[in-house]
Amino acid sequence: MSDPTQCPKCQSVNIYQDGNLWICPECSNEWVPAVAAESTAEVIDDGLIRDANGNVLADGDNVIVLKDLNIKGSSSVVKGGTKVRNIRLRDMGDGHDILCKIDGLGAINLKSSFVKKV
């Protein structure tokens, strides 16, 4: 990251802090400064899908959602701390790489950066 007061994605200076997250209203990027600095320092490009902590995920793993996630086109929310069982990994090209079913919500696609392996 070139400057700690800029968005690492679009380099905008119009960012604000919400708890431990930094948010860029221009590109909707959310990041934790310490994690962003570590992830840019050690980029692992081995084609494996990893969780927010860097653990390699595999089909059939169980994960926990790290924060509340709004579902696009719905008023439903996947609550932080929700345990998701038996995930399937697919690269859909839009950043969503986990296919899963969540009780009460049905089939959902998640980004691996918002989950941690159990």
PDB file of N, CA and C in Angstrom:
ATOM      1  N   MET A   1       0.852  -1.159   0.000  1.00  0.00           N
ATOM      2  CA  MET A   1       0.000   0.000   0.000  1.00  0.00           C
ATOM      3  C   MET A   1       0.901   1.225   0.000  1.00  0.00           C
ATOM      4  N   SER A   2       0.638   2.146  -0.905  1.00  0.00           N
ATOM      5  CA  SER A   2       1.521   3.289  -1.042  1.00  0.00           C
ATOM      6  C   SER A   2       1.377   4.288   0.096  1.00  0.00           C
ATOM      7  N   ASP A   3       0.172   4.491   0.596  1.00  0.00           N
ATOM      8  CA  ASP A   3      -0.061   5.489   1.638  1.00  0.00           C
ATOM      9  C   ASP A   3      -1.158   4.967   2.565  1.00  0.00           C
ATOM     10  N   PRO A   4      -0.934   4.979   3.895  1.00  0.00           N
ATOM     11  CA  PRO A   4      -1.963   4.442   4.796  1.00  0.00           C
ATOM     12  C   PRO A   4      -3.242   5.271   4.823  1.00  0.00           C
ATOM     13  N   THR A   5      -3.246   6.435   4.202  1.00  0.00           N
ATOM     14  CA  THR A   5      -4.457   7.265   4.166  1.00  0.00           C
ATOM     15  C   THR A   5      -5.154   7.171   2.817  1.00  0.00           C
ATOM     16  N   GLN A   6      -4.832   6.129   2.034  1.00  0.00           N
ATOM     17  CA  GLN A   6      -5.463   5.925   0.732  1.00  0.00           C
ATOM     18  C   GLN A   6      -6.040   4.520   0.642  1.00  0.00           C
ATOM     19  N   CYS A   7      -7.050   4.376  -0.200  1.00  0.00           N
ATOM     20  CA  CYS A   7      -7.635   3.064  -0.477  1.00  0.00           C
ATOM     21  C   CYS A   7      -6.615   2.226  -1.257  1.00  0.00           C
ATOM     22  N   PRO A   8      -6.353   0.976  -0.839  1.00  0.00           N
ATOM     23  CA  PRO A   8      -5.387   0.150  -1.564  1.00  0.00           C
ATOM     24  C   PRO A   8      -5.885  -0.283  -2.938  1.00  0.00           C
ATOM     25  N   LYS A   9      -7.192  -0.190  -3.178  1.00  0.00           N
ATOM     26  CA  LYS A   9      -7.765  -0.634  -4.446  1.00  0.00           C
ATOM     27  C   LYS A   9      -7.772   0.480  -5.491  1.00  0.00           C
ATOM     28  N   CYS A  10      -8.298   1.676  -5.109  1.00  0.00           N
ATOM     29  CA  CYS A  10      -8.445   2.763  -6.082  1.00  0.00           C
ATOM     30  C   CYS A  10      -7.585   3.983  -5.763  1.00  0.00           C
ATOM     31  N   GLN A  11      -6.849   3.952  -4.655  1.00  0.00           N
ATOM     32  CA  GLN A  11      -5.958   5.027  -4.216  1.00  0.00           C
ATOM     33  C   GLN A  11      -6.697   6.318  -3.855  1.00  0.00           C
ATOM     34  N   SER A  12      -7.993   6.233  -3.586  1.00  0.00           N
ATOM     35  CA  SER A  12      -8.771   7.407  -3.184  1.00  0.00           C
ATOM     36  C   SER A  12      -8.388   7.825  -1.767  1.00  0.00           C
ATOM     37  N   VAL A  13      -8.421   9.131  -1.501  1.00  0.00           N
ATOM     38  CA  VAL A  13      -8.125   9.631  -0.160  1.00  0.00           C
ATOM     39  C   VAL A  13      -9.404   9.818   0.656  1.00  0.00           C
ATOM     40  N   ASN A  14     -10.555   9.620   0.040  1.00  0.00           N
ATOM     41  CA  ASN A  14     -11.847   9.765   0.724  1.00  0.00           C
ATOM     42  C   ASN A  14     -12.221   8.465   1.415  1.00  0.00           C
ATOM     43  N   ILE A  15     -11.521   8.120   2.495  1.00  0.00           N
ATOM     44  CA  ILE A  15     -11.786   6.889   3.226  1.00  0.00           C
ATOM     45  C   ILE A  15     -12.185   7.234   4.650  1.00  0.00           C
ATOM     46  N   TYR A  16     -12.860   6.295   5.304  1.00  0.00           N
ATOM     47  CA  TYR A  16     -13.231   6.499   6.701  1.00  0.00           C
ATOM     48  C   TYR A  16     -13.144   5.179   7.451  1.00  0.00           C
ATOM     49  N   GLN A  17     -13.054   5.279   8.772  1.00  0.00           N
ATOM     50  CA  GLN A  17     -12.910   4.104   9.614  1.00  0.00           C
ATOM     51  C   GLN A  17     -14.244   3.764  10.259  1.00  0.00           C
ATOM     52  N   ASP A  18     -14.574   2.463  10.267  1.00  0.00           N
ATOM     53  CA  ASP A  18     -15.774   1.959  10.920  1.00  0.00           C
ATOM     54  C   ASP A  18     -15.347   0.780  11.781  1.00  0.00           C
ATOM     55  N   GLY A  19     -15.145   1.027  13.072  1.00  0.00           N
ATOM     56  CA  GLY A  19     -14.622  -0.012  13.957  1.00  0.00           C
ATOM     57  C   GLY A  19     -13.182  -0.291  13.588  1.00  0.00           C
ATOM     58  N   ASN A  20     -12.868  -1.560  13.262  1.00  0.00           N
ATOM     59  CA  ASN A  20     -11.501  -1.883  12.858  1.00  0.00           C
ATOM     60  C   ASN A  20     -11.354  -1.934  11.340  1.00  0.00           C
ATOM     61  N   LEU A  21     -12.426  -1.658  10.601  1.00  0.00           N
ATOM     62  CA  LEU A  21     -12.389  -1.656   9.140  1.00  0.00           C
ATOM     63  C   LEU A  21     -12.219  -0.244   8.605  1.00  0.00           C
ATOM     64  N   TRP A  22     -11.529  -0.118   7.496  1.00  0.00           N
ATOM     65  CA  TRP A  22     -11.474   1.122   6.734  1.00  0.00           C
ATOM     66  C   TRP A  22     -12.335   0.909   5.506  1.00  0.00           C
ATOM     67  N   ILE A  23     -13.097   1.929   5.112  1.00  0.00           N
ATOM     68  CA  ILE A  23     -14.050   1.809   4.012  1.00  0.00           C
ATOM     69  C   ILE A  23     -13.818   2.933   3.010  1.00  0.00           C
ATOM     70  N   CYS A  24     -13.841   2.577   1.734  1.00  0.00           N
ATOM     71  CA  CYS A  24     -13.734   3.556   0.656  1.00  0.00           C
ATOM     72  C   CYS A  24     -15.111   3.688   0.023  1.00  0.00           C
ATOM     73  N   PRO A  25     -15.761   4.858   0.139  1.00  0.00           N
ATOM     74  CA  PRO A  25     -17.094   5.008  -0.442  1.00  0.00           C
ATOM     75  C   PRO A  25     -17.087   5.073  -1.970  1.00  0.00           C
ATOM     76  N   GLU A  26     -15.954   5.319  -2.573  1.00  0.00           N
ATOM     77  CA  GLU A  26     -15.888   5.438  -4.027  1.00  0.00           C
ATOM     78  C   GLU A  26     -15.909   4.080  -4.734  1.00  0.00           C
ATOM     79  N   CYS A  27     -15.179   3.095  -4.181  1.00  0.00           N
ATOM     80  CA  CYS A  27     -15.133   1.776  -4.826  1.00  0.00           C
ATOM     81  C   CYS A  27     -15.726   0.679  -3.960  1.00  0.00           C
ATOM     82  N   SER A  28     -16.253   1.026  -2.771  1.00  0.00           N
ATOM     83  CA  SER A  28     -16.875   0.081  -1.834  1.00  0.00           C
ATOM     84  C   SER A  28     -15.897  -0.946  -1.289  1.00  0.00           C
ATOM     85  N   ASN A  29     -14.621  -0.641  -1.289  1.00  0.00           N
ATOM     86  CA  ASN A  29     -13.612  -1.547  -0.750  1.00  0.00           C
ATOM     87  C   ASN A  29     -13.592  -1.429   0.771  1.00  0.00           C
ATOM     88  N   GLU A  30     -13.476  -2.560   1.460  1.00  0.00           N
ATOM     89  CA  GLU A  30     -13.349  -2.592   2.913  1.00  0.00           C
ATOM     90  C   GLU A  30     -12.099  -3.392   3.251  1.00  0.00           C
ATOM     91  N   TRP A  31     -11.297  -2.889   4.206  1.00  0.00           N
ATOM     92  CA  TRP A  31     -10.078  -3.590   4.564  1.00  0.00           C
ATOM     93  C   TRP A  31      -9.668  -3.260   5.988  1.00  0.00           C
ATOM     94  N   VAL A  32      -8.850  -4.157   6.534  1.00  0.00           N
ATOM     95  CA  VAL A  32      -8.229  -3.942   7.826  1.00  0.00           C
ATOM     96  C   VAL A  32      -6.786  -3.558   7.511  1.00  0.00           C
ATOM     97  N   PRO A  33      -6.307  -2.389   7.974  1.00  0.00           N
ATOM     98  CA  PRO A  33      -4.980  -1.919   7.568  1.00  0.00           C
ATOM     99  C   PRO A  33      -3.854  -2.921   7.796  1.00  0.00           C
ATOM    100  N   ALA A  34      -3.810  -3.606   8.919  1.00  0.00           N
ATOM    101  CA  ALA A  34      -2.734  -4.557   9.184  1.00  0.00           C
ATOM    102  C   ALA A  34      -2.793  -5.728   8.215  1.00  0.00           C
ATOM    103  N   VAL A  35      -4.003  -6.235   7.927  1.00  0.00           N
ATOM    104  CA  VAL A  35      -4.170  -7.358   7.012  1.00  0.00           C
ATOM    105  C   VAL A  35      -3.837  -6.939   5.594  1.00  0.00           C
ATOM    106  N   ALA A  36      -4.223  -5.726   5.203  1.00  0.00           N
ATOM    107  CA  ALA A  36      -3.929  -5.246   3.857  1.00  0.00           C
ATOM    108  C   ALA A  36      -2.422  -5.125   3.646  1.00  0.00           C
ATOM    109  N   ALA A  37      -1.711  -4.644   4.636  1.00  0.00           N
ATOM    110  CA  ALA A  37      -0.259  -4.505   4.523  1.00  0.00           C
ATOM    111  C   ALA A  37       0.409  -5.870   4.419  1.00  0.00           C
ATOM    112  N   GLU A  38      -0.061  -6.842   5.206  1.00  0.00           N
ATOM    113  CA  GLU A  38       0.513  -8.181   5.156  1.00  0.00           C
ATOM    114  C   GLU A  38       0.214  -8.862   3.831  1.00  0.00           C
ATOM    115  N   SER A  39      -1.006  -8.707   3.322  1.00  0.00           N
ATOM    116  CA  SER A  39      -1.381  -9.397   2.099  1.00  0.00           C
ATOM    117  C   SER A  39      -0.634  -8.843   0.891  1.00  0.00           C
ATOM    118  N   THR A  40      -0.312  -7.548   0.871  1.00  0.00           N
ATOM    119  CA  THR A  40       0.454  -7.010  -0.244  1.00  0.00           C
ATOM    120  C   THR A  40       1.919  -7.402  -0.135  1.00  0.00           C
ATOM    121  N   ALA A  41       2.409  -7.630   1.077  1.00  0.00           N
ATOM    122  CA  ALA A  41       3.806  -7.994   1.262  1.00  0.00           C
ATOM    123  C   ALA A  41       4.065  -9.426   0.815  1.00  0.00           C
ATOM    124  N   GLU A  42       3.139 -10.324   1.060  1.00  0.00           N
ATOM    125  CA  GLU A  42       3.342 -11.717   0.707  1.00  0.00           C
ATOM    126  C   GLU A  42       2.180 -12.226  -0.137  1.00  0.00           C
ATOM    127  N   VAL A  43       2.232 -11.930  -1.429  1.00  0.00           N
ATOM    128  CA  VAL A  43       1.195 -12.372  -2.346  1.00  0.00           C
ATOM    129  C   VAL A  43       1.479 -13.820  -2.717  1.00  0.00           C
ATOM    130  N   ILE A  44       0.506 -14.670  -2.478  1.00  0.00           N
ATOM    131  CA  ILE A  44       0.652 -16.092  -2.781  1.00  0.00           C
ATOM    132  C   ILE A  44      -0.215 -16.386  -3.995  1.00  0.00           C
ATOM    133  N   ASP A  45       0.420 -16.650  -5.115  1.00  0.00           N
ATOM    134  CA  ASP A  45      -0.321 -16.898  -6.349  1.00  0.00           C
ATOM    135  C   ASP A  45      -0.096 -18.336  -6.793  1.00  0.00           C
ATOM    136  N   ASP A  46      -0.635 -19.273  -5.989  1.00  0.00           N
ATOM    137  CA  ASP A  46      -0.472 -20.678  -6.312  1.00  0.00           C
ATOM    138  C   ASP A  46      -1.773 -21.296  -6.820  1.00  0.00           C
ATOM    139  N   GLY A  47      -2.803 -20.464  -7.031  1.00  0.00           N
ATOM    140  CA  GLY A  47      -4.068 -20.942  -7.557  1.00  0.00           C
ATOM    141  C   GLY A  47      -4.990 -21.550  -6.516  1.00  0.00           C
ATOM    142  N   LEU A  48      -4.568 -21.589  -5.258  1.00  0.00           N
ATOM    143  CA  LEU A  48      -5.396 -22.145  -4.198  1.00  0.00           C
ATOM    144  C   LEU A  48      -6.306 -21.063  -3.624  1.00  0.00           C
ATOM    145  N   ILE A  49      -7.465 -21.471  -3.163  1.00  0.00           N
ATOM    146  CA  ILE A  49      -8.391 -20.542  -2.534  1.00  0.00           C
ATOM    147  C   ILE A  49      -8.125 -20.561  -1.038  1.00  0.00           C
ATOM    148  N   ARG A  50      -7.908 -19.375  -0.465  1.00  0.00           N
ATOM    149  CA  ARG A  50      -7.552 -19.247   0.936  1.00  0.00           C
ATOM    150  C   ARG A  50      -8.587 -18.412   1.672  1.00  0.00           C
ATOM    151  N   ASP A  51      -8.723 -18.666   2.988  1.00  0.00           N
ATOM    152  CA  ASP A  51      -9.650 -17.887   3.808  1.00  0.00           C
ATOM    153  C   ASP A  51      -8.989 -16.575   4.224  1.00  0.00           C
ATOM    154  N   ALA A  52      -9.653 -15.813   5.069  1.00  0.00           N
ATOM    155  CA  ALA A  52      -9.148 -14.503   5.494  1.00  0.00           C
ATOM    156  C   ALA A  52      -7.836 -14.609   6.254  1.00  0.00           C
ATOM    157  N   ASN A  53      -7.561 -15.750   6.887  1.00  0.00           N
ATOM    158  CA  ASN A  53      -6.332 -15.942   7.644  1.00  0.00           C
ATOM    159  C   ASN A  53      -5.214 -16.589   6.826  1.00  0.00           C
ATOM    160  N   GLY A  54      -5.489 -16.916   5.573  1.00  0.00           N
ATOM    161  CA  GLY A  54      -4.473 -17.529   4.716  1.00  0.00           C
ATOM    162  C   GLY A  54      -4.488 -19.035   4.702  1.00  0.00           C
ATOM    163  N   ASN A  55      -5.441 -19.663   5.391  1.00  0.00           N
ATOM    164  CA  ASN A  55      -5.535 -21.127   5.385  1.00  0.00           C
ATOM    165  C   ASN A  55      -6.139 -21.598   4.063  1.00  0.00           C
ATOM    166  N   VAL A  56      -5.608 -22.675   3.517  1.00  0.00           N
ATOM    167  CA  VAL A  56      -6.105 -23.214   2.253  1.00  0.00           C
ATOM    168  C   VAL A  56      -7.450 -23.893   2.491  1.00  0.00           C
ATOM    169  N   LEU A  57      -8.430 -23.563   1.647  1.00  0.00           N
ATOM    170  CA  LEU A  57      -9.761 -24.163   1.732  1.00  0.00           C
ATOM    171  C   LEU A  57      -9.880 -25.301   0.730  1.00  0.00           C
ATOM    172  N   ALA A  58     -10.732 -26.274   1.049  1.00  0.00           N
ATOM    173  CA  ALA A  58     -10.986 -27.409   0.167  1.00  0.00           C
ATOM    174  C   ALA A  58     -12.482 -27.705   0.166  1.00  0.00           C
ATOM    175  N   ASP A  59     -12.939 -28.423  -0.856  1.00  0.00           N
ATOM    176  CA  ASP A  59     -14.340 -28.830  -0.906  1.00  0.00           C
ATOM    177  C   ASP A  59     -14.684 -29.639   0.342  1.00  0.00           C
ATOM    178  N   GLY A  60     -15.846 -29.359   0.925  1.00  0.00           N
ATOM    179  CA  GLY A  60     -16.295 -30.089   2.101  1.00  0.00           C
ATOM    180  C   GLY A  60     -15.880 -29.477   3.419  1.00  0.00           C
ATOM    181  N   ASP A  61     -15.075 -28.424   3.407  1.00  0.00           N
ATOM    182  CA  ASP A  61     -14.651 -27.764   4.650  1.00  0.00           C
ATOM    183  C   ASP A  61     -15.822 -27.039   5.306  1.00  0.00           C
ATOM    184  N   ASN A  62     -15.660 -26.769   6.598  1.00  0.00           N
ATOM    185  CA  ASN A  62     -16.604 -25.942   7.343  1.00  0.00           C
ATOM    186  C   ASN A  62     -15.935 -24.606   7.608  1.00  0.00           C
ATOM    187  N   VAL A  63     -16.698 -23.518   7.466  1.00  0.00           N
ATOM    188  CA  VAL A  63     -16.158 -22.173   7.670  1.00  0.00           C
ATOM    189  C   VAL A  63     -17.122 -21.362   8.524  1.00  0.00           C
ATOM    190  N   ILE A  64     -16.609 -20.249   9.057  1.00  0.00           N
ATOM    191  CA  ILE A  64     -17.428 -19.307   9.821  1.00  0.00           C
ATOM    192  C   ILE A  64     -17.336 -17.955   9.132  1.00  0.00           C
ATOM    193  N   VAL A  65     -18.486 -17.303   8.954  1.00  0.00           N
ATOM    194  CA  VAL A  65     -18.537 -15.971   8.352  1.00  0.00           C
ATOM    195  C   VAL A  65     -18.004 -14.966   9.370  1.00  0.00           C
ATOM    196  N   LEU A  66     -17.107 -14.068   8.940  1.00  0.00           N
ATOM    197  CA  LEU A  66     -16.443 -13.144   9.852  1.00  0.00           C
ATOM    198  C   LEU A  66     -17.250 -11.902  10.196  1.00  0.00           C
ATOM    199  N   LYS A  67     -18.069 -11.407   9.272  1.00  0.00           N
ATOM    200  CA  LYS A  67     -18.824 -10.182   9.531  1.00  0.00           C
ATOM    201  C   LYS A  67     -20.189 -10.286   8.880  1.00  0.00           C
ATOM    202  N   ASP A  68     -21.097  -9.397   9.261  1.00  0.00           N
ATOM    203  CA  ASP A  68     -22.426  -9.379   8.656  1.00  0.00           C
ATOM    204  C   ASP A  68     -22.292  -9.054   7.172  1.00  0.00           C
ATOM    205  N   LEU A  69     -22.940  -9.865   6.323  1.00  0.00           N
ATOM    206  CA  LEU A  69     -22.886  -9.671   4.885  1.00  0.00           C
ATOM    207  C   LEU A  69     -24.294  -9.440   4.351  1.00  0.00           C
ATOM    208  N   ASN A  70     -24.511  -8.299   3.721  1.00  0.00           N
ATOM    209  CA  ASN A  70     -25.795  -8.023   3.090  1.00  0.00           C
ATOM    210  C   ASN A  70     -25.904  -8.842   1.818  1.00  0.00           C
ATOM    211  N   ILE A  71     -27.090  -9.360   1.554  1.00  0.00           N
ATOM    212  CA  ILE A  71     -27.320 -10.142   0.352  1.00  0.00           C
ATOM    213  C   ILE A  71     -27.890  -9.206  -0.704  1.00  0.00           C
ATOM    214  N   LYS A  72     -27.205  -9.138  -1.829  1.00  0.00           N
ATOM    215  CA  LYS A  72     -27.599  -8.231  -2.896  1.00  0.00           C
ATOM    216  C   LYS A  72     -29.001  -8.574  -3.409  1.00  0.00           C
ATOM    217  N   GLY A  73     -29.861  -7.573  -3.516  1.00  0.00           N
ATOM    218  CA  GLY A  73     -31.209  -7.777  -4.027  1.00  0.00           C
ATOM    219  C   GLY A  73     -32.182  -8.310  -2.993  1.00  0.00           C
ATOM    220  N   SER A  74     -31.783  -8.325  -1.732  1.00  0.00           N
ATOM    221  CA  SER A  74     -32.631  -8.859  -0.673  1.00  0.00           C
ATOM    222  C   SER A  74     -32.413  -8.054   0.597  1.00  0.00           C
ATOM    223  N   SER A  75     -33.358  -8.142   1.499  1.00  0.00           N
ATOM    224  CA  SER A  75     -33.182  -7.475   2.786  1.00  0.00           C
ATOM    225  C   SER A  75     -32.565  -8.418   3.817  1.00  0.00           C
ATOM    226  N   SER A  76     -32.244  -9.632   3.411  1.00  0.00           N
ATOM    227  CA  SER A  76     -31.640 -10.615   4.310  1.00  0.00           C
ATOM    228  C   SER A  76     -30.166 -10.317   4.544  1.00  0.00           C
ATOM    229  N   VAL A  77     -29.665 -10.807   5.672  1.00  0.00           N
ATOM    230  CA  VAL A  77     -28.270 -10.617   6.045  1.00  0.00           C
ATOM    231  C   VAL A  77     -27.712 -11.943   6.542  1.00  0.00           C
ATOM    232  N   VAL A  78     -26.490 -12.260   6.110  1.00  0.00           N
ATOM    233  CA  VAL A  78     -25.767 -13.393   6.685  1.00  0.00           C
ATOM    234  C   VAL A  78     -25.001 -12.831   7.875  1.00  0.00           C
ATOM    235  N   LYS A  79     -25.363 -13.256   9.066  1.00  0.00           N
ATOM    236  CA  LYS A  79     -24.777 -12.715  10.292  1.00  0.00           C
ATOM    237  C   LYS A  79     -23.349 -13.210  10.483  1.00  0.00           C
ATOM    238  N   GLY A  80     -22.511 -12.340  11.028  1.00  0.00           N
ATOM    239  CA  GLY A  80     -21.163 -12.737  11.388  1.00  0.00           C
ATOM    240  C   GLY A  80     -21.220 -13.824  12.445  1.00  0.00           C
ATOM    241  N   GLY A  81     -20.385 -14.837  12.319  1.00  0.00           N
ATOM    242  CA  GLY A  81     -20.398 -15.954  13.252  1.00  0.00           C
ATOM    243  C   GLY A  81     -21.220 -17.134  12.764  1.00  0.00           C
ATOM    244  N   THR A  82     -21.894 -16.976  11.621  1.00  0.00           N
ATOM    245  CA  THR A  82     -22.678 -18.078  11.063  1.00  0.00           C
ATOM    246  C   THR A  82     -21.747 -19.180  10.588  1.00  0.00           C
ATOM    247  N   LYS A  83     -22.017 -20.409  11.033  1.00  0.00           N
ATOM    248  CA  LYS A  83     -21.201 -21.545  10.615  1.00  0.00           C
ATOM    249  C   LYS A  83     -21.800 -22.124   9.336  1.00  0.00           C
ATOM    250  N   VAL A  84     -20.945 -22.309   8.337  1.00  0.00           N
ATOM    251  CA  VAL A  84     -21.361 -22.850   7.048  1.00  0.00           C
ATOM    252  C   VAL A  84     -20.659 -24.182   6.869  1.00  0.00           C
ATOM    253  N   ARG A  85     -21.435 -25.229   6.629  1.00  0.00           N
ATOM    254  CA  ARG A  85     -20.881 -26.577   6.508  1.00  0.00           C
ATOM    255  C   ARG A  85     -20.829 -27.016   5.054  1.00  0.00           C
ATOM    256  N   ASN A  86     -19.862 -27.841   4.754  1.00  0.00           N
ATOM    257  CA  ASN A  86     -19.756 -28.522   3.467  1.00  0.00           C
ATOM    258  C   ASN A  86     -19.748 -27.545   2.291  1.00  0.00           C
ATOM    259  N   ILE A  87     -18.739 -26.681   2.238  1.00  0.00           N
ATOM    260  CA  ILE A  87     -18.642 -25.716   1.146  1.00  0.00           C
ATOM    261  C   ILE A  87     -18.123 -26.384  -0.117  1.00  0.00           C
ATOM    262  N   ARG A  88     -18.422 -25.766  -1.256  1.00  0.00           N
ATOM    263  CA  ARG A  88     -17.875 -26.186  -2.541  1.00  0.00           C
ATOM    264  C   ARG A  88     -17.126 -25.000  -3.127  1.00  0.00           C
ATOM    265  N   LEU A  89     -15.954 -25.246  -3.673  1.00  0.00           N
ATOM    266  CA  LEU A  89     -15.123 -24.177  -4.217  1.00  0.00           C
ATOM    267  C   LEU A  89     -15.267 -24.109  -5.725  1.00  0.00           C
ATOM    268  N   ARG A  90     -15.573 -22.926  -6.219  1.00  0.00           N
ATOM    269  CA  ARG A  90     -15.683 -22.662  -7.650  1.00  0.00           C
ATOM    270  C   ARG A  90     -15.211 -21.235  -7.886  1.00  0.00           C
ATOM    271  N   ASP A  91     -14.506 -20.995  -8.983  1.00  0.00           N
ATOM    272  CA  ASP A  91     -14.098 -19.631  -9.322  1.00  0.00           C
ATOM    273  C   ASP A  91     -15.101 -19.093 -10.330  1.00  0.00           C
ATOM    274  N   MET A  92     -15.963 -18.175  -9.858  1.00  0.00           N
ATOM    275  CA  MET A  92     -16.996 -17.623 -10.717  1.00  0.00           C
ATOM    276  C   MET A  92     -16.548 -16.364 -11.447  1.00  0.00           C
ATOM    277  N   GLY A  93     -15.340 -15.902 -11.185  1.00  0.00           N
ATOM    278  CA  GLY A  93     -14.814 -14.762 -11.902  1.00  0.00           C
ATOM    279  C   GLY A  93     -15.207 -13.404 -11.341  1.00  0.00           C
ATOM    280  N   ASP A  94     -16.145 -13.366 -10.402  1.00  0.00           N
ATOM    281  CA  ASP A  94     -16.563 -12.085  -9.833  1.00  0.00           C
ATOM    282  C   ASP A  94     -16.092 -11.941  -8.390  1.00  0.00           C
ATOM    283  N   GLY A  95     -15.151 -12.768  -7.972  1.00  0.00           N
ATOM    284  CA  GLY A  95     -14.633 -12.703  -6.610  1.00  0.00           C
ATOM    285  C   GLY A  95     -15.308 -13.678  -5.663  1.00  0.00           C
ATOM    286  N   HIS A  96     -16.494 -14.156  -6.013  1.00  0.00           N
ATOM    287  CA  HIS A  96     -17.186 -15.149  -5.200  1.00  0.00           C
ATOM    288  C   HIS A  96     -16.644 -16.513  -5.581  1.00  0.00           C
ATOM    289  N   ASP A  97     -16.091 -17.224  -4.613  1.00  0.00           N
ATOM    290  CA  ASP A  97     -15.473 -18.506  -4.927  1.00  0.00           C
ATOM    291  C   ASP A  97     -15.941 -19.642  -4.028  1.00  0.00           C
ATOM    292  N   ILE A  98     -16.959 -19.405  -3.211  1.00  0.00           N
ATOM    293  CA  ILE A  98     -17.507 -20.449  -2.350  1.00  0.00           C
ATOM    294  C   ILE A  98     -19.000 -20.595  -2.634  1.00  0.00           C
ATOM    295  N   LEU A  99     -19.417 -21.815  -2.949  1.00  0.00           N
ATOM    296  CA  LEU A  99     -20.835 -22.138  -3.086  1.00  0.00           C
ATOM    297  C   LEU A  99     -21.253 -22.864  -1.824  1.00  0.00           C
ATOM    298  N   CYS A 100     -22.377 -22.458  -1.224  1.00  0.00           N
ATOM    299  CA  CYS A 100     -22.798 -23.110   0.007  1.00  0.00           C
ATOM    300  C   CYS A 100     -24.299 -22.940   0.208  1.00  0.00           C
ATOM    301  N   LYS A 101     -24.808 -23.680   1.171  1.00  0.00           N
ATOM    302  CA  LYS A 101     -26.197 -23.531   1.585  1.00  0.00           C
ATOM    303  C   LYS A 101     -26.201 -23.106   3.044  1.00  0.00           C
ATOM    304  N   ILE A 102     -26.976 -22.061   3.345  1.00  0.00           N
ATOM    305  CA  ILE A 102     -27.085 -21.564   4.711  1.00  0.00           C
ATOM    306  C   ILE A 102     -28.524 -21.749   5.151  1.00  0.00           C
ATOM    307  N   ASP A 103     -28.704 -22.358   6.336  1.00  0.00           N
ATOM    308  CA  ASP A 103     -30.042 -22.597   6.855  1.00  0.00           C
ATOM    309  C   ASP A 103     -30.823 -21.284   6.933  1.00  0.00           C
ATOM    310  N   GLY A 104     -32.030 -21.291   6.409  1.00  0.00           N
ATOM    311  CA  GLY A 104     -32.892 -20.114   6.442  1.00  0.00           C
ATOM    312  C   GLY A 104     -32.694 -19.180   5.267  1.00  0.00           C
ATOM    313  N   LEU A 105     -31.593 -19.324   4.532  1.00  0.00           N
ATOM    314  CA  LEU A 105     -31.326 -18.446   3.394  1.00  0.00           C
ATOM    315  C   LEU A 105     -31.245 -19.195   2.072  1.00  0.00           C
ATOM    316  N   GLY A 106     -30.806 -20.439   2.095  1.00  0.00           N
ATOM    317  CA  GLY A 106     -30.684 -21.226   0.878  1.00  0.00           C
ATOM    318  C   GLY A 106     -29.282 -21.178   0.295  1.00  0.00           C
ATOM    319  N   ALA A 107     -29.203 -21.409  -1.017  1.00  0.00           N
ATOM    320  CA  ALA A 107     -27.917 -21.446  -1.709  1.00  0.00           C
ATOM    321  C   ALA A 107     -27.375 -20.031  -1.877  1.00  0.00           C
ATOM    322  N   ILE A 108     -26.088 -19.859  -1.534  1.00  0.00           N
ATOM    323  CA  ILE A 108     -25.458 -18.534  -1.565  1.00  0.00           C
ATOM    324  C   ILE A 108     -24.019 -18.685  -2.050  1.00  0.00           C
ATOM    325  N   ASN A 109     -23.517 -17.658  -2.723  1.00  0.00           N
ATOM    326  CA  ASN A 109     -22.109 -17.575  -3.095  1.00  0.00           C
ATOM    327  C   ASN A 109     -21.431 -16.604  -2.140  1.00  0.00           C
ATOM    328  N   LEU A 110     -20.260 -16.989  -1.623  1.00  0.00           N
ATOM    329  CA  LEU A 110     -19.510 -16.145  -0.697  1.00  0.00           C
ATOM    330  C   LEU A 110     -18.108 -15.900  -1.229  1.00  0.00           C
ATOM    331  N   LYS A 111     -17.494 -14.838  -0.739  1.00  0.00           N
ATOM    332  CA  LYS A 111     -16.084 -14.579  -1.026  1.00  0.00           C
ATOM    333  C   LYS A 111     -15.253 -15.200   0.087  1.00  0.00           C
ATOM    334  N   SER A 112     -14.165 -15.831  -0.276  1.00  0.00           N
ATOM    335  CA  SER A 112     -13.329 -16.500   0.720  1.00  0.00           C
ATOM    336  C   SER A 112     -12.664 -15.508   1.672  1.00  0.00           C
ATOM    337  N   SER A 113     -12.583 -14.244   1.304  1.00  0.00           N
ATOM    338  CA  SER A 113     -11.951 -13.252   2.172  1.00  0.00           C
ATOM    339  C   SER A 113     -12.820 -12.882   3.365  1.00  0.00           C
ATOM    340  N   PHE A 114     -14.086 -13.324   3.387  1.00  0.00           N
ATOM    341  CA  PHE A 114     -14.995 -13.016   4.492  1.00  0.00           C
ATOM    342  C   PHE A 114     -15.295 -14.215   5.378  1.00  0.00           C
ATOM    343  N   VAL A 115     -14.508 -15.289   5.229  1.00  0.00           N
ATOM    344  CA  VAL A 115     -14.725 -16.482   6.036  1.00  0.00           C
ATOM    345  C   VAL A 115     -13.406 -16.947   6.635  1.00  0.00           C
ATOM    346  N   LYS A 116     -13.505 -17.749   7.697  1.00  0.00           N
ATOM    347  CA  LYS A 116     -12.323 -18.403   8.249  1.00  0.00           C
ATOM    348  C   LYS A 116     -12.636 -19.883   8.416  1.00  0.00           C
ATOM    349  N   LYS A 117     -11.625 -20.708   8.205  1.00  0.00           N
ATOM    350  CA  LYS A 117     -11.764 -22.151   8.297  1.00  0.00           C
ATOM    351  C   LYS A 117     -11.902 -22.566   9.747  1.00  0.00           C
ATOM    352  N   VAL A 118     -12.786 -23.549   9.998  1.00  0.00           N
ATOM    353  CA  VAL A 118     -12.988 -24.052  11.359  1.00  0.00           C
ATOM    354  C   VAL A 118     -12.048 -25.196  11.613  1.00  0.00           C
TER     355      VAL A 118
END
